[in-house]
PDB file of all heavy atoms in Angstrom:
ATOM      1  N   ALA A   1       6.673   4.334  -8.509  1.00  0.00           N
ATOM      2  CA  ALA A   1       7.451   3.146  -8.054  1.00  0.00           C
ATOM      3  C   ALA A   1       8.275   3.474  -6.794  1.00  0.00           C
ATOM      4  O   ALA A   1       8.442   2.654  -5.912  1.00  0.00           O
ATOM      5  CB  ALA A   1       8.290   2.624  -9.253  1.00  0.00           C
ATOM      6  N   GLU A   2       8.899   4.608  -6.781  1.00  0.00           N
ATOM      7  CA  GLU A   2       9.755   4.924  -5.661  1.00  0.00           C
ATOM      8  C   GLU A   2       8.920   5.204  -4.408  1.00  0.00           C
ATOM      9  O   GLU A   2       9.304   4.722  -3.354  1.00  0.00           O
ATOM     10  CB  GLU A   2      10.531   6.272  -5.927  1.00  0.00           C
ATOM     11  CG  GLU A   2      11.442   6.717  -4.783  1.00  0.00           C
ATOM     12  CD  GLU A   2      12.410   5.744  -4.281  1.00  0.00           C
ATOM     13  OE1 GLU A   2      12.850   4.855  -5.105  1.00  0.00           O
ATOM     14  OE2 GLU A   2      13.019   5.971  -3.305  1.00  0.00           O
ATOM     15  N   VAL A   3       7.757   5.850  -4.499  1.00  0.00           N
ATOM     16  CA  VAL A   3       6.905   6.076  -3.380  1.00  0.00           C
ATOM     17  C   VAL A   3       6.341   4.721  -2.872  1.00  0.00           C
ATOM     18  O   VAL A   3       6.299   4.375  -1.644  1.00  0.00           O
ATOM     19  CB  VAL A   3       5.823   6.995  -3.688  1.00  0.00           C
ATOM     20  CG1 VAL A   3       4.727   7.110  -2.511  1.00  0.00           C
ATOM     21  CG2 VAL A   3       6.368   8.455  -3.949  1.00  0.00           C
ATOM     22  N   LEU A   4       6.010   3.778  -3.841  1.00  0.00           N
ATOM     23  CA  LEU A   4       5.529   2.469  -3.420  1.00  0.00           C
ATOM     24  C   LEU A   4       6.599   1.733  -2.651  1.00  0.00           C
ATOM     25  O   LEU A   4       6.367   1.162  -1.633  1.00  0.00           O
ATOM     26  CB  LEU A   4       5.121   1.670  -4.565  1.00  0.00           C
ATOM     27  CG  LEU A   4       4.704   0.291  -4.443  1.00  0.00           C
ATOM     28  CD1 LEU A   4       3.542   0.139  -3.354  1.00  0.00           C
ATOM     29  CD2 LEU A   4       4.324  -0.427  -5.693  1.00  0.00           C
ATOM     30  N   ARG A   5       7.918   1.687  -3.125  1.00  0.00           N
ATOM     31  CA  ARG A   5       8.986   1.098  -2.484  1.00  0.00           C
ATOM     32  C   ARG A   5       9.217   1.627  -1.078  1.00  0.00           C
ATOM     33  O   ARG A   5       9.293   0.833  -0.136  1.00  0.00           O
ATOM     34  CB  ARG A   5      10.236   1.281  -3.331  1.00  0.00           C
ATOM     35  CG  ARG A   5      11.498   0.554  -2.734  1.00  0.00           C
ATOM     36  CD  ARG A   5      12.765   0.964  -3.396  1.00  0.00           C
ATOM     37  NE  ARG A   5      13.112   2.391  -3.084  1.00  0.00           N
ATOM     38  CZ  ARG A   5      13.644   2.795  -1.927  1.00  0.00           C
ATOM     39  NH1 ARG A   5      13.942   1.928  -0.916  1.00  0.00           N
ATOM     40  NH2 ARG A   5      14.001   4.060  -1.763  1.00  0.00           N
ATOM     41  N   ARG A   6       9.055   2.925  -0.817  1.00  0.00           N
ATOM     42  CA  ARG A   6       9.195   3.460   0.436  1.00  0.00           C
ATOM     43  C   ARG A   6       8.037   3.131   1.386  1.00  0.00           C
ATOM     44  O   ARG A   6       8.193   2.818   2.567  1.00  0.00           O
ATOM     45  CB  ARG A   6       9.392   4.949   0.343  1.00  0.00           C
ATOM     46  CG  ARG A   6      10.710   5.422  -0.319  1.00  0.00           C
ATOM     47  CD  ARG A   6      10.817   6.876  -0.397  1.00  0.00           C
ATOM     48  NE  ARG A   6      12.104   7.255  -1.062  1.00  0.00           N
ATOM     49  CZ  ARG A   6      12.682   8.354  -0.973  1.00  0.00           C
ATOM     50  NH1 ARG A   6      12.258   9.249  -0.135  1.00  0.00           N
ATOM     51  NH2 ARG A   6      13.772   8.642  -1.635  1.00  0.00           N
ATOM     52  N   ALA A   7       6.829   3.181   0.788  1.00  0.00           N
ATOM     53  CA  ALA A   7       5.647   2.874   1.592  1.00  0.00           C
ATOM     54  C   ALA A   7       5.718   1.453   2.039  1.00  0.00           C
ATOM     55  O   ALA A   7       5.335   1.144   3.245  1.00  0.00           O
ATOM     56  CB  ALA A   7       4.386   3.179   0.770  1.00  0.00           C
ATOM     57  N   GLU A   8       6.147   0.452   1.218  1.00  0.00           N
ATOM     58  CA  GLU A   8       6.195  -0.901   1.556  1.00  0.00           C
ATOM     59  C   GLU A   8       7.135  -1.205   2.695  1.00  0.00           C
ATOM     60  O   GLU A   8       6.895  -2.129   3.450  1.00  0.00           O
ATOM     61  CB  GLU A   8       6.509  -1.765   0.339  1.00  0.00           C
ATOM     62  CG  GLU A   8       5.361  -1.798  -0.683  1.00  0.00           C
ATOM     63  CD  GLU A   8       5.784  -2.554  -1.929  1.00  0.00           C
ATOM     64  OE1 GLU A   8       6.981  -2.565  -2.312  1.00  0.00           O
ATOM     65  OE2 GLU A   8       4.867  -3.112  -2.605  1.00  0.00           O
ATOM     66  N   THR A   9       8.171  -0.362   2.813  1.00  0.00           N
ATOM     67  CA  THR A   9       9.101  -0.539   3.916  1.00  0.00           C
ATOM     68  C   THR A   9       8.793   0.204   5.162  1.00  0.00           C
ATOM     69  O   THR A   9       9.332  -0.069   6.216  1.00  0.00           O
ATOM     70  CB  THR A   9      10.529  -0.253   3.400  1.00  0.00           C
ATOM     71  OG1 THR A   9      10.640   1.131   3.126  1.00  0.00           O
ATOM     72  CG2 THR A   9      10.935  -1.089   2.262  1.00  0.00           C
ATOM     73  N   THR A  10       7.850   1.193   5.128  1.00  0.00           N
ATOM     74  CA  THR A  10       7.628   1.927   6.274  1.00  0.00           C
ATOM     75  C   THR A  10       6.198   1.915   6.841  1.00  0.00           C
ATOM     76  O   THR A  10       5.934   2.464   8.011  1.00  0.00           O
ATOM     77  CB  THR A  10       7.947   3.505   5.946  1.00  0.00           C
ATOM     78  OG1 THR A  10       7.098   3.981   4.931  1.00  0.00           O
ATOM     79  CG2 THR A  10       9.380   3.655   5.614  1.00  0.00           C
ATOM     80  N   LEU A  11       5.290   1.333   6.131  1.00  0.00           N
ATOM     81  CA  LEU A  11       3.889   1.350   6.620  1.00  0.00           C
ATOM     82  C   LEU A  11       3.493   0.026   7.171  1.00  0.00           C
ATOM     83  O   LEU A  11       3.216  -0.910   6.453  1.00  0.00           O
ATOM     84  CB  LEU A  11       2.925   1.683   5.470  1.00  0.00           C
ATOM     85  CG  LEU A  11       1.391   1.802   5.813  1.00  0.00           C
ATOM     86  CD1 LEU A  11       1.070   2.632   6.945  1.00  0.00           C
ATOM     87  CD2 LEU A  11       0.583   2.039   4.656  1.00  0.00           C
ATOM     88  N   PRO A  12       3.554  -0.138   8.477  1.00  0.00           N
ATOM     89  CA  PRO A  12       3.244  -1.394   9.138  1.00  0.00           C
ATOM     90  C   PRO A  12       1.754  -1.775   9.165  1.00  0.00           C
ATOM     91  O   PRO A  12       0.864  -0.865   9.182  1.00  0.00           O
ATOM     92  CB  PRO A  12       3.850  -1.267  10.542  1.00  0.00           C
ATOM     93  CG  PRO A  12       3.709   0.160  10.802  1.00  0.00           C
ATOM     94  CD  PRO A  12       3.888   0.851   9.512  1.00  0.00           C
ATOM     95  N   PRO A  13       1.424  -3.001   9.191  1.00  0.00           N
ATOM     96  CA  PRO A  13       0.061  -3.468   9.152  1.00  0.00           C
ATOM     97  C   PRO A  13      -0.863  -2.968  10.217  1.00  0.00           C
ATOM     98  O   PRO A  13      -2.103  -2.777  10.090  1.00  0.00           O
ATOM     99  CB  PRO A  13       0.068  -4.970   9.276  1.00  0.00           C
ATOM    100  CG  PRO A  13       1.484  -5.348   8.925  1.00  0.00           C
ATOM    101  CD  PRO A  13       2.307  -4.210   9.209  1.00  0.00           C
ATOM    102  N   GLN A  14      -0.263  -2.637  11.507  1.00  0.00           N
ATOM    103  CA  GLN A  14      -1.106  -2.176  12.557  1.00  0.00           C
ATOM    104  C   GLN A  14      -1.764  -0.791  12.276  1.00  0.00           C
ATOM    105  O   GLN A  14      -2.643  -0.352  13.027  1.00  0.00           O
ATOM    106  CB  GLN A  14      -0.305  -2.248  13.933  1.00  0.00           C
ATOM    107  CG  GLN A  14       0.812  -1.305  13.955  1.00  0.00           C
ATOM    108  CD  GLN A  14       2.088  -2.077  13.674  1.00  0.00           C
ATOM    109  OE1 GLN A  14       2.148  -2.924  12.846  1.00  0.00           O
ATOM    110  NE2 GLN A  14       3.230  -1.575  14.263  1.00  0.00           N
ATOM    111  N   TYR A  15      -1.366  -0.118  11.255  1.00  0.00           N
ATOM    112  CA  TYR A  15      -2.037   1.123  10.936  1.00  0.00           C
ATOM    113  C   TYR A  15      -2.997   1.095   9.820  1.00  0.00           C
ATOM    114  O   TYR A  15      -3.585   2.060   9.292  1.00  0.00           O
ATOM    115  CB  TYR A  15      -0.916   2.143  10.440  1.00  0.00           C
ATOM    116  CG  TYR A  15       0.106   2.579  11.532  1.00  0.00           C
ATOM    117  CD1 TYR A  15       1.393   2.109  11.460  1.00  0.00           C
ATOM    118  CD2 TYR A  15      -0.367   3.322  12.573  1.00  0.00           C
ATOM    119  CE1 TYR A  15       2.294   2.471  12.464  1.00  0.00           C
ATOM    120  CE2 TYR A  15       0.536   3.628  13.531  1.00  0.00           C
ATOM    121  CZ  TYR A  15       1.824   3.222  13.521  1.00  0.00           C
ATOM    122  OH  TYR A  15       2.719   3.584  14.489  1.00  0.00           O
ATOM    123  N   ARG A  16      -3.574  -0.124   9.584  1.00  0.00           N
ATOM    124  CA  ARG A  16      -4.579  -0.371   8.532  1.00  0.00           C
ATOM    125  C   ARG A  16      -5.848  -0.828   9.175  1.00  0.00           C
ATOM    126  O   ARG A  16      -5.814  -1.621  10.125  1.00  0.00           O
ATOM    127  CB  ARG A  16      -4.038  -1.459   7.533  1.00  0.00           C
ATOM    128  CG  ARG A  16      -2.855  -1.011   6.703  1.00  0.00           C
ATOM    129  CD  ARG A  16      -2.440  -2.101   5.807  1.00  0.00           C
ATOM    130  NE  ARG A  16      -1.378  -1.693   4.912  1.00  0.00           N
ATOM    131  CZ  ARG A  16      -1.611  -0.933   3.846  1.00  0.00           C
ATOM    132  NH1 ARG A  16      -2.765  -0.460   3.546  1.00  0.00           N
ATOM    133  NH2 ARG A  16      -0.517  -0.526   3.218  1.00  0.00           N
ATOM    134  N   GLY A  17      -6.948  -0.615   8.449  1.00  0.00           N
ATOM    135  CA  GLY A  17      -8.219  -1.156   8.877  1.00  0.00           C
ATOM    136  C   GLY A  17      -9.183  -0.191   9.469  1.00  0.00           C
ATOM    137  O   GLY A  17      -8.876   1.085   9.476  1.00  0.00           O
ATOM    138  N   GLU A  18     -10.250  -0.536   9.938  1.00  0.00           N
ATOM    139  CA  GLU A  18     -11.323   0.218  10.530  1.00  0.00           C
ATOM    140  C   GLU A  18     -10.778   1.094  11.730  1.00  0.00           C
ATOM    141  O   GLU A  18     -10.082   0.635  12.528  1.00  0.00           O
ATOM    142  CB  GLU A  18     -12.400  -0.707  11.155  1.00  0.00           C
ATOM    143  CG  GLU A  18     -13.586  -0.014  11.642  1.00  0.00           C
ATOM    144  CD  GLU A  18     -14.500   0.482  10.522  1.00  0.00           C
ATOM    145  OE1 GLU A  18     -14.564  -0.242   9.500  1.00  0.00           O
ATOM    146  OE2 GLU A  18     -15.232   1.464  10.895  1.00  0.00           O
ATOM    147  N   GLY A  19     -11.048   2.425  11.452  1.00  0.00           N
ATOM    148  CA  GLY A  19     -10.568   3.383  12.527  1.00  0.00           C
ATOM    149  C   GLY A  19      -9.154   3.717  12.494  1.00  0.00           C
ATOM    150  O   GLY A  19      -8.580   4.415  13.421  1.00  0.00           O
ATOM    151  N   MET A  20      -8.385   3.239  11.594  1.00  0.00           N
ATOM    152  CA  MET A  20      -6.949   3.501  11.333  1.00  0.00           C
ATOM    153  C   MET A  20      -6.750   4.465  10.275  1.00  0.00           C
ATOM    154  O   MET A  20      -7.582   4.709   9.503  1.00  0.00           O
ATOM    155  CB  MET A  20      -6.203   2.211  11.124  1.00  0.00           C
ATOM    156  CG  MET A  20      -6.474   1.144  12.272  1.00  0.00           C
ATOM    157  SD  MET A  20      -6.055   1.758  13.936  1.00  0.00           S
ATOM    158  CE  MET A  20      -4.274   1.875  13.875  1.00  0.00           C
ATOM    159  N   PRO A  21      -5.525   5.038  10.211  1.00  0.00           N
ATOM    160  CA  PRO A  21      -5.181   5.997   9.231  1.00  0.00           C
ATOM    161  C   PRO A  21      -5.204   5.484   7.711  1.00  0.00           C
ATOM    162  O   PRO A  21      -5.336   6.235   6.817  1.00  0.00           O
ATOM    163  CB  PRO A  21      -3.850   6.589   9.482  1.00  0.00           C
ATOM    164  CG  PRO A  21      -3.560   6.050  10.841  1.00  0.00           C
ATOM    165  CD  PRO A  21      -4.508   4.832  11.124  1.00  0.00           C
ATOM    166  N   PHE A  22      -4.950   4.177   7.543  1.00  0.00           N
ATOM    167  CA  PHE A  22      -4.888   3.554   6.223  1.00  0.00           C
ATOM    168  C   PHE A  22      -5.829   2.418   6.046  1.00  0.00           C
ATOM    169  O   PHE A  22      -6.035   1.655   7.004  1.00  0.00           O
ATOM    170  CB  PHE A  22      -3.476   3.094   5.920  1.00  0.00           C
ATOM    171  CG  PHE A  22      -2.467   4.201   5.876  1.00  0.00           C
ATOM    172  CD1 PHE A  22      -1.784   4.533   7.101  1.00  0.00           C
ATOM    173  CD2 PHE A  22      -2.204   4.935   4.756  1.00  0.00           C
ATOM    174  CE1 PHE A  22      -0.926   5.502   7.071  1.00  0.00           C
ATOM    175  CE2 PHE A  22      -1.313   5.975   4.836  1.00  0.00           C
ATOM    176  CZ  PHE A  22      -0.517   6.280   5.919  1.00  0.00           C
ATOM    177  N   GLY A  23      -6.423   2.366   4.883  1.00  0.00           N
ATOM    178  CA  GLY A  23      -7.385   1.139   4.610  1.00  0.00           C
ATOM    179  C   GLY A  23      -6.560  -0.080   4.324  1.00  0.00           C
ATOM    180  O   GLY A  23      -5.338  -0.108   4.296  1.00  0.00           O
ATOM    181  N   ASP A  24      -7.297  -1.219   4.280  1.00  0.00           N
ATOM    182  CA  ASP A  24      -6.713  -2.457   3.970  1.00  0.00           C
ATOM    183  C   ASP A  24      -6.145  -2.458   2.586  1.00  0.00           C
ATOM    184  O   ASP A  24      -6.646  -1.700   1.706  1.00  0.00           O
ATOM    185  CB  ASP A  24      -7.742  -3.644   4.151  1.00  0.00           C
ATOM    186  CG  ASP A  24      -8.176  -3.883   5.554  1.00  0.00           C
ATOM    187  OD1 ASP A  24      -7.249  -3.682   6.434  1.00  0.00           O
ATOM    188  OD2 ASP A  24      -9.341  -4.113   5.853  1.00  0.00           O
ATOM    189  N   ILE A  25      -5.169  -3.296   2.285  1.00  0.00           N
ATOM    190  CA  ILE A  25      -4.622  -3.221   0.891  1.00  0.00           C
ATOM    191  C   ILE A  25      -5.610  -3.783  -0.002  1.00  0.00           C
ATOM    192  O   ILE A  25      -6.278  -4.807   0.175  1.00  0.00           O
ATOM    193  CB  ILE A  25      -3.261  -4.165   0.872  1.00  0.00           C
ATOM    194  CG1 ILE A  25      -2.228  -3.553   1.739  1.00  0.00           C
ATOM    195  CG2 ILE A  25      -2.830  -4.395  -0.501  1.00  0.00           C
ATOM    196  CD1 ILE A  25      -1.007  -4.404   1.932  1.00  0.00           C
ATOM    197  N   VAL A  26      -5.786  -3.159  -1.133  1.00  0.00           N
ATOM    198  CA  VAL A  26      -6.708  -3.539  -2.221  1.00  0.00           C
ATOM    199  C   VAL A  26      -5.790  -4.373  -3.181  1.00  0.00           C
ATOM    200  O   VAL A  26      -4.753  -3.800  -3.794  1.00  0.00           O
ATOM    201  CB  VAL A  26      -7.343  -2.356  -2.927  1.00  0.00           C
ATOM    202  CG1 VAL A  26      -8.134  -2.875  -4.138  1.00  0.00           C
ATOM    203  CG2 VAL A  26      -8.211  -1.540  -2.039  1.00  0.00           C
ATOM    204  N   PRO A  27      -6.053  -5.629  -3.435  1.00  0.00           N
ATOM    205  CA  PRO A  27      -5.254  -6.423  -4.420  1.00  0.00           C
ATOM    206  C   PRO A  27      -5.199  -5.845  -5.740  1.00  0.00           C
ATOM    207  O   PRO A  27      -6.242  -5.411  -6.413  1.00  0.00           O
ATOM    208  CB  PRO A  27      -5.865  -7.754  -4.423  1.00  0.00           C
ATOM    209  CG  PRO A  27      -6.715  -7.773  -3.222  1.00  0.00           C
ATOM    210  CD  PRO A  27      -7.196  -6.400  -2.901  1.00  0.00           C
ATOM    211  N   VAL A  28      -3.979  -5.777  -6.373  1.00  0.00           N
ATOM    212  CA  VAL A  28      -3.673  -5.251  -7.663  1.00  0.00           C
ATOM    213  C   VAL A  28      -2.717  -6.179  -8.370  1.00  0.00           C
ATOM    214  O   VAL A  28      -1.710  -6.637  -7.575  1.00  0.00           O
ATOM    215  CB  VAL A  28      -3.118  -3.759  -7.605  1.00  0.00           C
ATOM    216  CG1 VAL A  28      -2.809  -3.187  -8.902  1.00  0.00           C
ATOM    217  CG2 VAL A  28      -4.120  -2.925  -6.868  1.00  0.00           C
ATOM    218  N   PRO A  29      -2.877  -6.450  -9.647  1.00  0.00           N
ATOM    219  CA  PRO A  29      -1.928  -7.379 -10.223  1.00  0.00           C
ATOM    220  C   PRO A  29      -0.444  -6.818 -10.131  1.00  0.00           C
ATOM    221  O   PRO A  29      -0.287  -5.700 -10.172  1.00  0.00           O
ATOM    222  CB  PRO A  29      -2.382  -7.462 -11.657  1.00  0.00           C
ATOM    223  CG  PRO A  29      -3.826  -7.080 -11.659  1.00  0.00           C
ATOM    224  CD  PRO A  29      -3.925  -6.090 -10.551  1.00  0.00           C
ATOM    225  N   GLU A  30       0.460  -7.720  -9.933  1.00  0.00           N
ATOM    226  CA  GLU A  30       1.891  -7.369  -9.872  1.00  0.00           C
ATOM    227  C   GLU A  30       2.422  -6.614 -11.178  1.00  0.00           C
ATOM    228  O   GLU A  30       3.335  -5.894 -11.060  1.00  0.00           O
ATOM    229  CB  GLU A  30       2.815  -8.563  -9.616  1.00  0.00           C
ATOM    230  CG  GLU A  30       2.621  -9.062  -8.261  1.00  0.00           C
ATOM    231  CD  GLU A  30       3.603 -10.202  -7.852  1.00  0.00           C
ATOM    232  OE1 GLU A  30       4.695 -10.281  -8.483  1.00  0.00           O
ATOM    233  OE2 GLU A  30       3.246 -11.044  -7.012  1.00  0.00           O
ATOM    234  N   ASP A  31       1.807  -6.863 -12.278  1.00  0.00           N
ATOM    235  CA  ASP A  31       2.276  -6.232 -13.562  1.00  0.00           C
ATOM    236  C   ASP A  31       1.502  -4.971 -13.835  1.00  0.00           C
ATOM    237  O   ASP A  31       1.657  -4.398 -14.906  1.00  0.00           O
ATOM    238  CB  ASP A  31       2.160  -7.239 -14.722  1.00  0.00           C
ATOM    239  CG  ASP A  31       0.768  -7.658 -14.952  1.00  0.00           C
ATOM    240  OD1 ASP A  31      -0.084  -7.506 -14.118  1.00  0.00           O
ATOM    241  OD2 ASP A  31       0.514  -8.240 -16.041  1.00  0.00           O
ATOM    242  N   ALA A  32       0.650  -4.509 -12.866  1.00  0.00           N
ATOM    243  CA  ALA A  32      -0.099  -3.243 -13.106  1.00  0.00           C
ATOM    244  C   ALA A  32       0.887  -2.036 -12.967  1.00  0.00           C
ATOM    245  O   ALA A  32       1.978  -2.191 -12.401  1.00  0.00           O
ATOM    246  CB  ALA A  32      -1.180  -3.114 -12.012  1.00  0.00           C
ATOM    247  N   PRO A  33       0.514  -0.891 -13.571  1.00  0.00           N
ATOM    248  CA  PRO A  33       1.348   0.338 -13.384  1.00  0.00           C
ATOM    249  C   PRO A  33       1.578   0.581 -11.931  1.00  0.00           C
ATOM    250  O   PRO A  33       0.832   0.345 -11.035  1.00  0.00           O
ATOM    251  CB  PRO A  33       0.511   1.418 -14.049  1.00  0.00           C
ATOM    252  CG  PRO A  33      -0.421   0.732 -14.931  1.00  0.00           C
ATOM    253  CD  PRO A  33      -0.652  -0.628 -14.308  1.00  0.00           C
ATOM    254  N   ALA A  34       2.746   1.124 -11.648  1.00  0.00           N
ATOM    255  CA  ALA A  34       3.150   1.425 -10.229  1.00  0.00           C
ATOM    256  C   ALA A  34       2.099   2.382  -9.586  1.00  0.00           C
ATOM    257  O   ALA A  34       1.883   2.163  -8.420  1.00  0.00           O
ATOM    258  CB  ALA A  34       4.573   2.132 -10.208  1.00  0.00           C
ATOM    259  N   ILE A  35       1.531   3.285 -10.293  1.00  0.00           N
ATOM    260  CA  ILE A  35       0.546   4.211  -9.603  1.00  0.00           C
ATOM    261  C   ILE A  35      -0.720   3.292  -9.168  1.00  0.00           C
ATOM    262  O   ILE A  35      -1.198   3.569  -8.079  1.00  0.00           O
ATOM    263  CB  ILE A  35       0.132   5.336 -10.503  1.00  0.00           C
ATOM    264  CG1 ILE A  35      -0.646   6.357  -9.676  1.00  0.00           C
ATOM    265  CG2 ILE A  35      -0.728   4.879 -11.645  1.00  0.00           C
ATOM    266  CD1 ILE A  35       0.218   7.148  -8.675  1.00  0.00           C
ATOM    267  N   ASP A  36      -1.081   2.317  -9.898  1.00  0.00           N
ATOM    268  CA  ASP A  36      -2.147   1.378  -9.483  1.00  0.00           C
ATOM    269  C   ASP A  36      -1.788   0.579  -8.345  1.00  0.00           C
ATOM    270  O   ASP A  36      -2.515   0.371  -7.388  1.00  0.00           O
ATOM    271  CB  ASP A  36      -2.616   0.512 -10.628  1.00  0.00           C
ATOM    272  CG  ASP A  36      -3.311   1.208 -11.756  1.00  0.00           C
ATOM    273  OD1 ASP A  36      -3.633   2.474 -11.510  1.00  0.00           O
ATOM    274  OD2 ASP A  36      -3.721   0.630 -12.658  1.00  0.00           O
ATOM    275  N   ARG A  37      -0.503   0.052  -8.285  1.00  0.00           N
ATOM    276  CA  ARG A  37      -0.061  -0.698  -7.175  1.00  0.00           C
ATOM    277  C   ARG A  37       0.126   0.074  -5.906  1.00  0.00           C
ATOM    278  O   ARG A  37      -0.241  -0.348  -4.851  1.00  0.00           O
ATOM    279  CB  ARG A  37       1.284  -1.438  -7.557  1.00  0.00           C
ATOM    280  CG  ARG A  37       1.080  -2.506  -8.546  1.00  0.00           C
ATOM    281  CD  ARG A  37       2.328  -3.262  -8.954  1.00  0.00           C
ATOM    282  NE  ARG A  37       3.150  -2.338  -9.780  1.00  0.00           N
ATOM    283  CZ  ARG A  37       4.472  -2.061  -9.569  1.00  0.00           C
ATOM    284  NH1 ARG A  37       5.117  -2.705  -8.693  1.00  0.00           N
ATOM    285  NH2 ARG A  37       5.054  -1.234 -10.299  1.00  0.00           N
ATOM    286  N   LEU A  38       0.571   1.364  -6.109  1.00  0.00           N
ATOM    287  CA  LEU A  38       0.645   2.224  -4.961  1.00  0.00           C
ATOM    288  C   LEU A  38      -0.802   2.554  -4.433  1.00  0.00           C
ATOM    289  O   LEU A  38      -1.013   2.551  -3.148  1.00  0.00           O
ATOM    290  CB  LEU A  38       1.340   3.593  -5.367  1.00  0.00           C
ATOM    291  CG  LEU A  38       1.311   4.640  -4.254  1.00  0.00           C
ATOM    292  CD1 LEU A  38       2.125   4.168  -3.099  1.00  0.00           C
ATOM    293  CD2 LEU A  38       1.918   5.899  -4.868  1.00  0.00           C
TER     294      LEU A  38
END
């Protein structure tokens, strides 16, 4: 949960997608465990 909180505030969308360091967000239910949401 703590890592997710930090990632959500520091990882901007321009670093996601094809050829970028991070993939697109995979939808996960809001009530899923924090590790799944991360």
